[in-house]
Amino acid sequence: MTSSNSKVYIEILKQIRSIIVADGLVAGDKIPSERELSERLKAGRSSVREALRSLELLGIIETRRGEGTFIKNFGDHQLVQILGTYILEDVKVKKDLIETKYLIERDSIVLACERMSEKQLQSLSELINTTEFTRHEFFSGVVKGINNSLFLRLWQVISEYFLVLQVQDPTKNNKSLYQELLDAFSSKNVEKALHIYEKLAIKEIVE
């Protein structure tokens, strides 16, 4: 996705949200169809489709087969909606996404040293010994391993937006560092684990 296309894409997301507000739609209401949104926004259907997909990944809308697309009833989980609004509006979005993801992962590293089970450690060991594995796959296992559903939800939403907004999220494997990090988990060495994570974070930001 080029910079120009990315700007158009974000603008479509904002316009869809504006339509939802202008039409007075609330949780449980059906939103205009992809075709209608395309006509109202004078935008290509493929761009509208991708924008709707990102809103669905955030948990703001849901598609019901044979019925259409509806605004989700958040109940007590307003955090997802707030985060979605923030991501669409803040001009520092990429920088803030990287920083937030880094902070969640860093805290998860600390908790992983305390909480990860032998089974979870073995699963990560098998992952990094495969021919191909991604950074996303590894840290998904780490965040799941700390048994904190809110951390996991936040990390998953932000990680999805790395893909949606084309924020760089390198998947080049550095198996020695990942193995060292895994060893630190096993020995419950928080200081060593954080030191290794900092090395990984620097590599991933600059590559």
N, C-alpha and C. Protein backbone atom coordinates (compact mmCIF):
# COMPACT_ATOMS: atom_id res chain seq x y z
N MET A 1 0.84 -1.18 0.00
CA MET A 1 0.00 0.00 0.00
C MET A 1 0.88 1.24 0.00
N THR A 2 0.73 2.10 -1.01
CA THR A 2 1.55 3.30 -1.09
C THR A 2 1.05 4.32 -0.08
N SER A 3 1.89 5.38 0.15
CA SER A 3 1.50 6.42 1.09
C SER A 3 0.20 7.08 0.65
N SER A 4 0.05 7.31 -0.66
CA SER A 4 -1.15 7.95 -1.19
C SER A 4 -2.38 7.08 -0.95
N ASN A 5 -2.25 5.78 -1.25
CA ASN A 5 -3.36 4.86 -1.05
C ASN A 5 -3.72 4.75 0.42
N SER A 6 -2.69 4.79 1.28
CA SER A 6 -2.92 4.70 2.72
C SER A 6 -3.75 5.88 3.21
N LYS A 7 -3.45 7.11 2.68
CA LYS A 7 -4.19 8.29 3.08
C LYS A 7 -5.64 8.19 2.64
N VAL A 8 -5.87 7.68 1.43
CA VAL A 8 -7.23 7.50 0.93
C VAL A 8 -7.97 6.51 1.80
N TYR A 9 -7.29 5.44 2.16
CA TYR A 9 -7.87 4.37 2.95
C TYR A 9 -8.31 4.88 4.33
N ILE A 10 -7.43 5.65 5.00
CA ILE A 10 -7.76 6.20 6.31
C ILE A 10 -8.93 7.17 6.19
N GLU A 11 -8.95 7.94 5.11
CA GLU A 11 -10.05 8.89 4.90
C GLU A 11 -11.38 8.15 4.75
N ILE A 12 -11.37 7.02 4.06
CA ILE A 12 -12.59 6.23 3.90
C ILE A 12 -13.07 5.72 5.26
N LEU A 13 -12.12 5.28 6.10
CA LEU A 13 -12.48 4.82 7.44
C LEU A 13 -13.18 5.94 8.22
N LYS A 14 -12.63 7.14 8.14
CA LYS A 14 -13.21 8.28 8.85
C LYS A 14 -14.60 8.60 8.32
N GLN A 15 -14.77 8.54 7.00
CA GLN A 15 -16.05 8.86 6.39
C GLN A 15 -17.12 7.84 6.75
N ILE A 16 -16.73 6.57 6.82
CA ILE A 16 -17.69 5.54 7.21
C ILE A 16 -18.16 5.79 8.64
N ARG A 17 -17.22 6.14 9.51
CA ARG A 17 -17.60 6.44 10.89
C ARG A 17 -18.51 7.66 10.93
N SER A 18 -18.23 8.66 10.08
CA SER A 18 -19.07 9.86 10.03
C SER A 18 -20.49 9.52 9.58
N ILE A 19 -20.60 8.61 8.62
CA ILE A 19 -21.92 8.17 8.14
C ILE A 19 -22.70 7.49 9.27
N ILE A 20 -22.00 6.67 10.05
CA ILE A 20 -22.64 5.98 11.17
C ILE A 20 -23.20 7.00 12.16
N VAL A 21 -22.40 8.05 12.43
CA VAL A 21 -22.83 9.09 13.36
C VAL A 21 -23.97 9.91 12.75
N ALA A 22 -23.82 10.30 11.48
CA ALA A 22 -24.83 11.14 10.81
C ALA A 22 -26.17 10.42 10.69
N ASP A 23 -26.14 9.12 10.47
CA ASP A 23 -27.37 8.34 10.33
C ASP A 23 -27.98 7.97 11.68
N GLY A 24 -27.29 8.35 12.76
CA GLY A 24 -27.81 8.08 14.09
C GLY A 24 -27.83 6.60 14.45
N LEU A 25 -26.88 5.86 13.90
CA LEU A 25 -26.85 4.42 14.13
C LEU A 25 -26.22 4.11 15.49
N VAL A 26 -26.78 3.11 16.15
CA VAL A 26 -26.26 2.70 17.46
C VAL A 26 -26.02 1.19 17.44
N ALA A 27 -25.50 0.69 18.56
CA ALA A 27 -25.21 -0.75 18.66
C ALA A 27 -26.44 -1.58 18.29
N GLY A 28 -26.23 -2.55 17.41
CA GLY A 28 -27.31 -3.41 16.96
C GLY A 28 -27.92 -2.99 15.64
N ASP A 29 -27.68 -1.73 15.22
CA ASP A 29 -28.23 -1.25 13.95
C ASP A 29 -27.41 -1.76 12.77
N LYS A 30 -28.10 -1.91 11.66
CA LYS A 30 -27.44 -2.33 10.41
C LYS A 30 -26.85 -1.11 9.72
N ILE A 31 -25.62 -1.23 9.25
CA ILE A 31 -25.00 -0.11 8.54
C ILE A 31 -25.25 -0.27 7.04
N PRO A 32 -25.09 0.81 6.27
CA PRO A 32 -25.30 0.71 4.82
C PRO A 32 -24.42 -0.38 4.20
N SER A 33 -24.91 -0.95 3.11
CA SER A 33 -24.18 -2.03 2.44
C SER A 33 -22.89 -1.50 1.81
N GLU A 34 -22.04 -2.42 1.46
CA GLU A 34 -20.77 -2.06 0.80
C GLU A 34 -21.05 -1.26 -0.47
N ARG A 35 -22.05 -1.69 -1.23
CA ARG A 35 -22.38 -0.98 -2.47
C ARG A 35 -22.87 0.43 -2.18
N GLU A 36 -23.76 0.57 -1.17
CA GLU A 36 -24.29 1.89 -0.85
C GLU A 36 -23.19 2.81 -0.32
N LEU A 37 -22.32 2.28 0.51
CA LEU A 37 -21.21 3.09 1.03
C LEU A 37 -20.30 3.54 -0.10
N SER A 38 -20.07 2.64 -1.04
CA SER A 38 -19.23 2.97 -2.18
C SER A 38 -19.82 4.12 -2.98
N GLU A 39 -21.16 4.10 -3.16
CA GLU A 39 -21.83 5.15 -3.91
C GLU A 39 -21.83 6.48 -3.13
N ARG A 40 -22.11 6.40 -1.84
CA ARG A 40 -22.17 7.62 -1.02
C ARG A 40 -20.80 8.28 -0.87
N LEU A 41 -19.78 7.46 -0.81
CA LEU A 41 -18.42 7.98 -0.62
C LEU A 41 -17.70 8.24 -1.93
N LYS A 42 -18.33 7.76 -3.05
CA LYS A 42 -17.69 7.87 -4.36
C LYS A 42 -16.29 7.24 -4.31
N ALA A 43 -16.25 6.04 -3.74
CA ALA A 43 -14.99 5.30 -3.58
C ALA A 43 -15.15 3.90 -4.15
N GLY A 44 -14.04 3.30 -4.53
CA GLY A 44 -14.07 1.96 -5.07
C GLY A 44 -14.54 0.95 -4.02
N ARG A 45 -15.24 -0.09 -4.48
CA ARG A 45 -15.78 -1.06 -3.54
C ARG A 45 -14.67 -1.84 -2.83
N SER A 46 -13.55 -2.04 -3.49
CA SER A 46 -12.45 -2.77 -2.86
C SER A 46 -11.89 -1.98 -1.68
N SER A 47 -11.80 -0.65 -1.83
CA SER A 47 -11.31 0.20 -0.73
C SER A 47 -12.30 0.20 0.43
N VAL A 48 -13.59 0.28 0.10
CA VAL A 48 -14.62 0.24 1.14
C VAL A 48 -14.60 -1.10 1.85
N ARG A 49 -14.41 -2.16 1.09
CA ARG A 49 -14.38 -3.52 1.67
C ARG A 49 -13.23 -3.64 2.68
N GLU A 50 -12.07 -3.12 2.32
CA GLU A 50 -10.91 -3.19 3.22
C GLU A 50 -11.13 -2.35 4.48
N ALA A 51 -11.78 -1.18 4.30
CA ALA A 51 -12.07 -0.32 5.45
C ALA A 51 -13.04 -1.02 6.40
N LEU A 52 -14.05 -1.67 5.86
CA LEU A 52 -15.01 -2.41 6.68
C LEU A 52 -14.33 -3.57 7.39
N ARG A 53 -13.39 -4.20 6.70
CA ARG A 53 -12.67 -5.32 7.31
C ARG A 53 -11.88 -4.85 8.53
N SER A 54 -11.24 -3.69 8.42
CA SER A 54 -10.45 -3.19 9.55
C SER A 54 -11.36 -2.85 10.73
N LEU A 55 -12.55 -2.30 10.46
CA LEU A 55 -13.49 -2.00 11.54
C LEU A 55 -13.98 -3.28 12.20
N GLU A 56 -14.10 -4.33 11.38
CA GLU A 56 -14.52 -5.62 11.95
C GLU A 56 -13.41 -6.22 12.79
N LEU A 57 -12.16 -6.07 12.35
CA LEU A 57 -11.03 -6.56 13.13
C LEU A 57 -10.94 -5.86 14.49
N LEU A 58 -11.32 -4.60 14.51
CA LEU A 58 -11.32 -3.85 15.76
C LEU A 58 -12.46 -4.26 16.68
N GLY A 59 -13.44 -4.96 16.13
CA GLY A 59 -14.58 -5.34 16.94
C GLY A 59 -15.66 -4.28 16.99
N ILE A 60 -15.63 -3.33 16.04
CA ILE A 60 -16.61 -2.25 16.03
C ILE A 60 -17.87 -2.67 15.26
N ILE A 61 -17.71 -3.47 14.23
CA ILE A 61 -18.85 -3.98 13.46
C ILE A 61 -18.73 -5.49 13.33
N GLU A 62 -19.83 -6.13 12.95
CA GLU A 62 -19.81 -7.57 12.70
C GLU A 62 -20.69 -7.89 11.51
N THR A 63 -20.27 -8.87 10.73
CA THR A 63 -21.03 -9.29 9.55
C THR A 63 -21.80 -10.55 9.87
N ARG A 64 -23.10 -10.54 9.58
CA ARG A 64 -23.95 -11.70 9.79
C ARG A 64 -24.37 -12.22 8.43
N ARG A 65 -24.00 -13.45 8.16
CA ARG A 65 -24.27 -14.02 6.85
C ARG A 65 -25.76 -13.96 6.51
N GLY A 66 -26.04 -13.43 5.33
CA GLY A 66 -27.43 -13.35 4.86
C GLY A 66 -28.20 -12.18 5.42
N GLU A 67 -27.60 -11.43 6.36
CA GLU A 67 -28.33 -10.31 6.98
C GLU A 67 -27.69 -8.96 6.70
N GLY A 68 -26.36 -8.91 6.73
CA GLY A 68 -25.68 -7.63 6.51
C GLY A 68 -24.64 -7.38 7.59
N THR A 69 -24.24 -6.11 7.71
CA THR A 69 -23.21 -5.73 8.67
C THR A 69 -23.83 -4.82 9.72
N PHE A 70 -23.52 -5.11 10.97
CA PHE A 70 -24.15 -4.43 12.09
C PHE A 70 -23.10 -3.85 13.05
N ILE A 71 -23.50 -2.77 13.75
CA ILE A 71 -22.65 -2.21 14.80
C ILE A 71 -22.75 -3.13 16.00
N LYS A 72 -21.61 -3.50 16.55
CA LYS A 72 -21.61 -4.44 17.66
C LYS A 72 -22.06 -3.78 18.96
N ASN A 73 -22.67 -4.61 19.79
CA ASN A 73 -23.05 -4.18 21.13
C ASN A 73 -21.87 -4.42 22.05
N PHE A 74 -21.20 -3.35 22.45
CA PHE A 74 -19.96 -3.49 23.20
C PHE A 74 -20.16 -3.90 24.65
N GLY A 75 -21.33 -3.56 25.22
CA GLY A 75 -21.53 -3.84 26.63
C GLY A 75 -20.49 -3.09 27.46
N ASP A 76 -19.75 -3.84 28.25
CA ASP A 76 -18.75 -3.21 29.12
C ASP A 76 -17.40 -3.04 28.44
N HIS A 77 -17.29 -3.46 27.18
CA HIS A 77 -15.99 -3.45 26.53
C HIS A 77 -15.82 -2.22 25.64
N GLN A 78 -15.98 -1.03 26.22
CA GLN A 78 -15.87 0.21 25.46
C GLN A 78 -14.45 0.49 25.02
N LEU A 79 -13.47 -0.17 25.61
CA LEU A 79 -12.07 0.10 25.29
C LEU A 79 -11.79 -0.10 23.80
N VAL A 80 -12.37 -1.12 23.22
CA VAL A 80 -12.12 -1.40 21.81
C VAL A 80 -12.64 -0.27 20.93
N GLN A 81 -13.82 0.25 21.26
CA GLN A 81 -14.39 1.36 20.49
C GLN A 81 -13.54 2.61 20.65
N ILE A 82 -13.11 2.89 21.88
CA ILE A 82 -12.27 4.07 22.13
C ILE A 82 -10.97 3.96 21.35
N LEU A 83 -10.36 2.79 21.40
CA LEU A 83 -9.10 2.58 20.70
C LEU A 83 -9.29 2.73 19.19
N GLY A 84 -10.40 2.22 18.68
CA GLY A 84 -10.67 2.34 17.26
C GLY A 84 -10.80 3.78 16.83
N THR A 85 -11.52 4.59 17.62
CA THR A 85 -11.68 6.01 17.31
C THR A 85 -10.34 6.72 17.35
N TYR A 86 -9.56 6.41 18.37
CA TYR A 86 -8.25 7.03 18.53
C TYR A 86 -7.35 6.73 17.34
N ILE A 87 -7.31 5.47 16.93
CA ILE A 87 -6.44 5.07 15.83
C ILE A 87 -6.81 5.78 14.54
N LEU A 88 -8.11 6.00 14.33
CA LEU A 88 -8.54 6.63 13.08
C LEU A 88 -8.24 8.11 13.04
N GLU A 89 -8.08 8.76 14.20
CA GLU A 89 -7.99 10.21 14.22
C GLU A 89 -6.60 10.77 14.50
N ASP A 90 -5.80 10.08 15.29
CA ASP A 90 -4.55 10.66 15.74
C ASP A 90 -3.51 10.67 14.63
N VAL A 91 -2.90 11.84 14.40
CA VAL A 91 -1.93 11.99 13.31
C VAL A 91 -0.62 11.28 13.63
N LYS A 92 -0.38 10.97 14.89
CA LYS A 92 0.85 10.26 15.27
C LYS A 92 0.62 8.76 15.35
N VAL A 93 -0.38 8.28 14.61
CA VAL A 93 -0.84 6.91 14.79
C VAL A 93 0.27 5.87 14.71
N LYS A 94 1.14 5.95 13.71
CA LYS A 94 2.15 4.92 13.56
C LYS A 94 3.14 4.91 14.72
N LYS A 95 3.58 6.10 15.10
CA LYS A 95 4.52 6.20 16.22
C LYS A 95 3.88 5.68 17.50
N ASP A 96 2.64 6.06 17.74
CA ASP A 96 1.96 5.66 18.96
C ASP A 96 1.63 4.16 18.98
N LEU A 97 1.33 3.62 17.81
CA LEU A 97 1.10 2.18 17.71
C LEU A 97 2.35 1.41 18.11
N ILE A 98 3.47 1.83 17.56
CA ILE A 98 4.74 1.16 17.86
C ILE A 98 5.05 1.25 19.35
N GLU A 99 4.86 2.45 19.93
CA GLU A 99 5.17 2.65 21.34
C GLU A 99 4.26 1.81 22.24
N THR A 100 2.97 1.79 21.94
CA THR A 100 2.02 1.04 22.75
C THR A 100 2.28 -0.45 22.66
N LYS A 101 2.54 -0.92 21.45
CA LYS A 101 2.83 -2.34 21.25
C LYS A 101 4.10 -2.73 22.02
N TYR A 102 5.09 -1.87 21.99
CA TYR A 102 6.34 -2.10 22.69
C TYR A 102 6.10 -2.22 24.20
N LEU A 103 5.30 -1.30 24.76
CA LEU A 103 5.04 -1.31 26.20
C LEU A 103 4.27 -2.55 26.63
N ILE A 104 3.29 -2.95 25.83
CA ILE A 104 2.53 -4.16 26.15
C ILE A 104 3.45 -5.38 26.12
N GLU A 105 4.28 -5.46 25.09
CA GLU A 105 5.18 -6.60 24.97
C GLU A 105 6.21 -6.62 26.09
N ARG A 106 6.71 -5.45 26.46
CA ARG A 106 7.73 -5.39 27.52
C ARG A 106 7.15 -5.89 28.85
N ASP A 107 5.94 -5.43 29.18
CA ASP A 107 5.30 -5.88 30.41
C ASP A 107 4.96 -7.37 30.33
N SER A 108 4.61 -7.82 29.13
CA SER A 108 4.31 -9.25 28.95
C SER A 108 5.56 -10.10 29.18
N ILE A 109 6.72 -9.57 28.78
CA ILE A 109 7.98 -10.27 29.00
C ILE A 109 8.20 -10.50 30.50
N VAL A 110 7.97 -9.46 31.29
CA VAL A 110 8.14 -9.56 32.75
C VAL A 110 7.21 -10.63 33.32
N LEU A 111 5.93 -10.58 32.92
CA LEU A 111 4.96 -11.53 33.44
C LEU A 111 5.21 -12.95 32.94
N ALA A 112 5.75 -13.05 31.72
CA ALA A 112 6.04 -14.37 31.16
C ALA A 112 7.08 -15.10 32.00
N CYS A 113 8.04 -14.36 32.53
CA CYS A 113 9.07 -14.98 33.37
C CYS A 113 8.46 -15.58 34.63
N GLU A 114 7.34 -15.03 35.06
CA GLU A 114 6.71 -15.51 36.28
C GLU A 114 5.66 -16.59 36.01
N ARG A 115 4.98 -16.51 34.85
CA ARG A 115 3.76 -17.29 34.69
C ARG A 115 3.78 -18.39 33.63
N MET A 116 4.70 -18.34 32.68
CA MET A 116 4.61 -19.29 31.57
C MET A 116 4.83 -20.72 32.06
N SER A 117 3.95 -21.61 31.61
CA SER A 117 4.04 -23.02 32.00
C SER A 117 5.05 -23.75 31.13
N GLU A 118 5.43 -24.94 31.56
CA GLU A 118 6.36 -25.75 30.78
C GLU A 118 5.78 -26.08 29.41
N LYS A 119 4.50 -26.33 29.38
CA LYS A 119 3.83 -26.64 28.11
C LYS A 119 3.91 -25.47 27.15
N GLN A 120 3.68 -24.26 27.65
CA GLN A 120 3.74 -23.06 26.81
C GLN A 120 5.17 -22.80 26.33
N LEU A 121 6.13 -23.01 27.22
CA LEU A 121 7.54 -22.85 26.84
C LEU A 121 7.93 -23.85 25.76
N GLN A 122 7.44 -25.08 25.89
CA GLN A 122 7.74 -26.10 24.89
C GLN A 122 7.13 -25.74 23.54
N SER A 123 5.94 -25.18 23.58
CA SER A 123 5.27 -24.77 22.34
C SER A 123 6.06 -23.68 21.62
N LEU A 124 6.60 -22.71 22.38
CA LEU A 124 7.41 -21.65 21.78
C LEU A 124 8.74 -22.21 21.27
N SER A 125 9.28 -23.18 21.99
CA SER A 125 10.53 -23.81 21.56
C SER A 125 10.34 -24.51 20.22
N GLU A 126 9.22 -25.20 20.07
CA GLU A 126 8.92 -25.88 18.80
C GLU A 126 8.73 -24.86 17.68
N LEU A 127 8.11 -23.72 18.02
CA LEU A 127 7.88 -22.68 17.01
C LEU A 127 9.19 -22.15 16.45
N ILE A 128 10.13 -21.78 17.33
CA ILE A 128 11.36 -21.15 16.84
C ILE A 128 12.31 -22.16 16.20
N ASN A 129 12.00 -23.44 16.32
CA ASN A 129 12.82 -24.45 15.66
C ASN A 129 12.24 -24.88 14.32
N THR A 130 11.13 -24.22 13.93
CA THR A 130 10.58 -24.48 12.59
C THR A 130 11.39 -23.70 11.57
N THR A 131 11.24 -24.05 10.31
CA THR A 131 11.98 -23.37 9.24
C THR A 131 11.59 -21.90 9.15
N GLU A 132 10.30 -21.65 9.25
CA GLU A 132 9.79 -20.27 9.15
C GLU A 132 8.90 -19.98 10.35
N PHE A 133 9.13 -18.85 11.00
CA PHE A 133 8.19 -18.36 12.00
C PHE A 133 8.26 -16.84 11.99
N THR A 134 7.19 -16.23 12.42
CA THR A 134 7.12 -14.77 12.40
C THR A 134 7.18 -14.20 13.81
N ARG A 135 7.57 -12.95 13.86
CA ARG A 135 7.57 -12.23 15.13
C ARG A 135 6.19 -12.27 15.76
N HIS A 136 5.16 -12.06 14.92
CA HIS A 136 3.78 -12.05 15.40
C HIS A 136 3.44 -13.38 16.08
N GLU A 137 3.82 -14.48 15.47
CA GLU A 137 3.52 -15.79 16.03
C GLU A 137 4.19 -15.98 17.39
N PHE A 138 5.44 -15.55 17.49
CA PHE A 138 6.18 -15.73 18.74
C PHE A 138 5.54 -14.91 19.87
N PHE A 139 5.30 -13.63 19.61
CA PHE A 139 4.77 -12.79 20.69
C PHE A 139 3.31 -13.08 20.99
N SER A 140 2.60 -13.63 20.02
CA SER A 140 1.25 -14.09 20.31
C SER A 140 1.30 -15.17 21.38
N GLY A 141 2.27 -16.08 21.26
CA GLY A 141 2.44 -17.13 22.26
C GLY A 141 2.83 -16.57 23.61
N VAL A 142 3.68 -15.55 23.61
CA VAL A 142 4.12 -14.92 24.87
C VAL A 142 2.94 -14.25 25.58
N VAL A 143 2.19 -13.43 24.83
CA VAL A 143 1.09 -12.69 25.46
C VAL A 143 -0.02 -13.63 25.92
N LYS A 144 -0.29 -14.67 25.16
CA LYS A 144 -1.27 -15.66 25.60
C LYS A 144 -0.80 -16.36 26.87
N GLY A 145 0.53 -16.55 26.96
CA GLY A 145 1.10 -17.29 28.07
C GLY A 145 1.01 -16.60 29.42
N ILE A 146 0.76 -15.27 29.43
CA ILE A 146 0.71 -14.57 30.72
C ILE A 146 -0.68 -14.60 31.33
N ASN A 147 -1.65 -15.12 30.57
CA ASN A 147 -3.01 -15.32 31.09
C ASN A 147 -3.65 -14.01 31.54
N ASN A 148 -3.55 -12.99 30.68
CA ASN A 148 -4.20 -11.71 30.94
C ASN A 148 -5.01 -11.36 29.69
N SER A 149 -6.32 -11.56 29.77
CA SER A 149 -7.16 -11.41 28.59
C SER A 149 -7.18 -9.99 28.04
N LEU A 150 -7.06 -8.98 28.92
CA LEU A 150 -7.08 -7.59 28.45
C LEU A 150 -5.80 -7.27 27.69
N PHE A 151 -4.65 -7.68 28.21
CA PHE A 151 -3.40 -7.50 27.50
C PHE A 151 -3.48 -8.16 26.13
N LEU A 152 -4.01 -9.38 26.11
CA LEU A 152 -4.08 -10.12 24.86
C LEU A 152 -4.96 -9.40 23.85
N ARG A 153 -6.11 -8.91 24.31
CA ARG A 153 -7.03 -8.22 23.40
C ARG A 153 -6.40 -6.95 22.84
N LEU A 154 -5.76 -6.17 23.72
CA LEU A 154 -5.08 -4.95 23.27
C LEU A 154 -4.00 -5.27 22.25
N TRP A 155 -3.19 -6.25 22.57
CA TRP A 155 -2.08 -6.61 21.68
C TRP A 155 -2.60 -7.09 20.33
N GLN A 156 -3.66 -7.89 20.34
CA GLN A 156 -4.21 -8.41 19.10
C GLN A 156 -4.76 -7.30 18.22
N VAL A 157 -5.50 -6.37 18.82
CA VAL A 157 -6.07 -5.25 18.06
C VAL A 157 -4.98 -4.39 17.44
N ILE A 158 -3.97 -4.04 18.25
CA ILE A 158 -2.88 -3.20 17.75
C ILE A 158 -2.08 -3.95 16.68
N SER A 159 -1.84 -5.22 16.87
CA SER A 159 -1.10 -6.01 15.89
C SER A 159 -1.84 -6.08 14.56
N GLU A 160 -3.16 -6.19 14.62
CA GLU A 160 -3.95 -6.20 13.39
C GLU A 160 -3.79 -4.89 12.64
N TYR A 161 -3.70 -3.79 13.37
CA TYR A 161 -3.55 -2.49 12.72
C TYR A 161 -2.16 -2.30 12.14
N PHE A 162 -1.18 -3.01 12.66
CA PHE A 162 0.13 -2.99 12.01
C PHE A 162 -0.01 -3.52 10.59
N LEU A 163 -0.86 -4.53 10.42
CA LEU A 163 -1.08 -5.10 9.10
C LEU A 163 -1.96 -4.19 8.26
N VAL A 164 -3.04 -3.67 8.85
CA VAL A 164 -3.99 -2.83 8.13
C VAL A 164 -3.34 -1.54 7.63
N LEU A 165 -2.54 -0.89 8.50
CA LEU A 165 -1.92 0.38 8.15
C LEU A 165 -0.54 0.22 7.55
N GLN A 166 -0.13 -1.02 7.34
CA GLN A 166 1.17 -1.29 6.73
C GLN A 166 2.32 -0.73 7.56
N VAL A 167 2.15 -0.68 8.89
CA VAL A 167 3.26 -0.30 9.76
C VAL A 167 4.27 -1.43 9.72
N GLN A 168 5.55 -1.08 9.64
CA GLN A 168 6.58 -2.10 9.52
C GLN A 168 6.58 -3.01 10.74
N ASP A 169 6.46 -4.29 10.49
CA ASP A 169 6.50 -5.29 11.57
C ASP A 169 7.33 -6.46 11.04
N PRO A 170 8.65 -6.30 11.03
CA PRO A 170 9.52 -7.26 10.38
C PRO A 170 9.35 -8.68 10.91
N THR A 171 9.51 -9.65 10.02
CA THR A 171 9.38 -11.05 10.42
C THR A 171 10.69 -11.80 10.21
N LYS A 172 11.78 -11.04 10.02
CA LYS A 172 13.07 -11.69 9.87
C LYS A 172 13.42 -12.40 11.17
N ASN A 173 13.77 -13.65 11.06
CA ASN A 173 14.03 -14.44 12.26
C ASN A 173 15.46 -14.27 12.75
N ASN A 174 15.60 -14.03 14.02
CA ASN A 174 16.90 -14.05 14.66
C ASN A 174 16.80 -15.13 15.73
N LYS A 175 17.01 -16.37 15.31
CA LYS A 175 16.72 -17.50 16.18
C LYS A 175 17.55 -17.51 17.45
N SER A 176 18.79 -17.03 17.40
CA SER A 176 19.63 -17.07 18.58
C SER A 176 19.05 -16.17 19.68
N LEU A 177 18.57 -14.97 19.30
CA LEU A 177 17.99 -14.07 20.29
C LEU A 177 16.68 -14.61 20.83
N TYR A 178 15.86 -15.18 19.95
CA TYR A 178 14.60 -15.76 20.41
C TYR A 178 14.86 -16.92 21.36
N GLN A 179 15.87 -17.71 21.05
CA GLN A 179 16.21 -18.84 21.92
C GLN A 179 16.71 -18.33 23.27
N GLU A 180 17.52 -17.28 23.26
CA GLU A 180 18.01 -16.69 24.51
C GLU A 180 16.84 -16.16 25.35
N LEU A 181 15.87 -15.56 24.67
CA LEU A 181 14.70 -15.05 25.37
C LEU A 181 13.92 -16.19 26.00
N LEU A 182 13.78 -17.27 25.26
CA LEU A 182 13.08 -18.44 25.77
C LEU A 182 13.81 -19.03 26.98
N ASP A 183 15.13 -19.06 26.91
CA ASP A 183 15.92 -19.56 28.03
C ASP A 183 15.73 -18.68 29.27
N ALA A 184 15.62 -17.37 29.05
CA ALA A 184 15.39 -16.46 30.17
C ALA A 184 14.03 -16.70 30.81
N PHE A 185 13.04 -17.01 29.99
CA PHE A 185 11.73 -17.37 30.53
C PHE A 185 11.85 -18.61 31.42
N SER A 186 12.55 -19.59 30.90
CA SER A 186 12.69 -20.87 31.61
C SER A 186 13.38 -20.68 32.96
N SER A 187 14.39 -19.81 33.01
CA SER A 187 15.13 -19.59 34.26
C SER A 187 14.53 -18.47 35.10
N LYS A 188 13.40 -17.90 34.60
CA LYS A 188 12.70 -16.81 35.29
C LYS A 188 13.62 -15.62 35.56
N ASN A 189 14.48 -15.34 34.59
CA ASN A 189 15.44 -14.25 34.71
C ASN A 189 14.88 -13.01 34.01
N VAL A 190 14.19 -12.18 34.77
CA VAL A 190 13.52 -11.01 34.20
C VAL A 190 14.51 -10.02 33.59
N GLU A 191 15.58 -9.74 34.30
CA GLU A 191 16.57 -8.77 33.81
C GLU A 191 17.15 -9.21 32.47
N LYS A 192 17.51 -10.48 32.36
CA LYS A 192 18.06 -11.00 31.11
C LYS A 192 17.02 -10.96 29.99
N ALA A 193 15.79 -11.33 30.32
CA ALA A 193 14.71 -11.34 29.32
C ALA A 193 14.47 -9.94 28.75
N LEU A 194 14.45 -8.93 29.62
CA LEU A 194 14.23 -7.56 29.16
C LEU A 194 15.40 -7.07 28.31
N HIS A 195 16.60 -7.45 28.70
CA HIS A 195 17.79 -7.06 27.94
C HIS A 195 17.73 -7.63 26.52
N ILE A 196 17.33 -8.88 26.41
CA ILE A 196 17.23 -9.53 25.09
C ILE A 196 16.09 -8.90 24.28
N TYR A 197 14.98 -8.62 24.96
CA TYR A 197 13.86 -8.00 24.25
C TYR A 197 14.25 -6.64 23.67
N GLU A 198 15.03 -5.86 24.43
CA GLU A 198 15.48 -4.57 23.93
C GLU A 198 16.29 -4.75 22.65
N LYS A 199 17.12 -5.77 22.60
CA LYS A 199 17.90 -6.05 21.39
C LYS A 199 16.97 -6.36 20.21
N LEU A 200 15.96 -7.19 20.47
CA LEU A 200 15.01 -7.54 19.43
C LEU A 200 14.23 -6.30 18.96
N ALA A 201 13.81 -5.49 19.90
CA ALA A 201 13.03 -4.29 19.58
C ALA A 201 13.83 -3.34 18.70
N ILE A 202 15.09 -3.14 19.02
CA ILE A 202 15.95 -2.25 18.23
C ILE A 202 16.09 -2.80 16.81
N LYS A 203 16.35 -4.10 16.68
CA LYS A 203 16.48 -4.70 15.36
C LYS A 203 15.21 -4.52 14.55
N GLU A 204 14.06 -4.71 15.19
CA GLU A 204 12.79 -4.67 14.48
C GLU A 204 12.41 -3.27 14.07
N ILE A 205 12.85 -2.26 14.85
CA ILE A 205 12.54 -0.87 14.50
C ILE A 205 13.40 -0.39 13.33
N VAL A 206 14.67 -0.79 13.33
CA VAL A 206 15.59 -0.25 12.31
C VAL A 206 15.57 -1.06 11.03
N GLU A 207 15.15 -2.31 11.05
CA GLU A 207 15.22 -3.13 9.84
C GLU A 207 14.08 -2.79 8.89
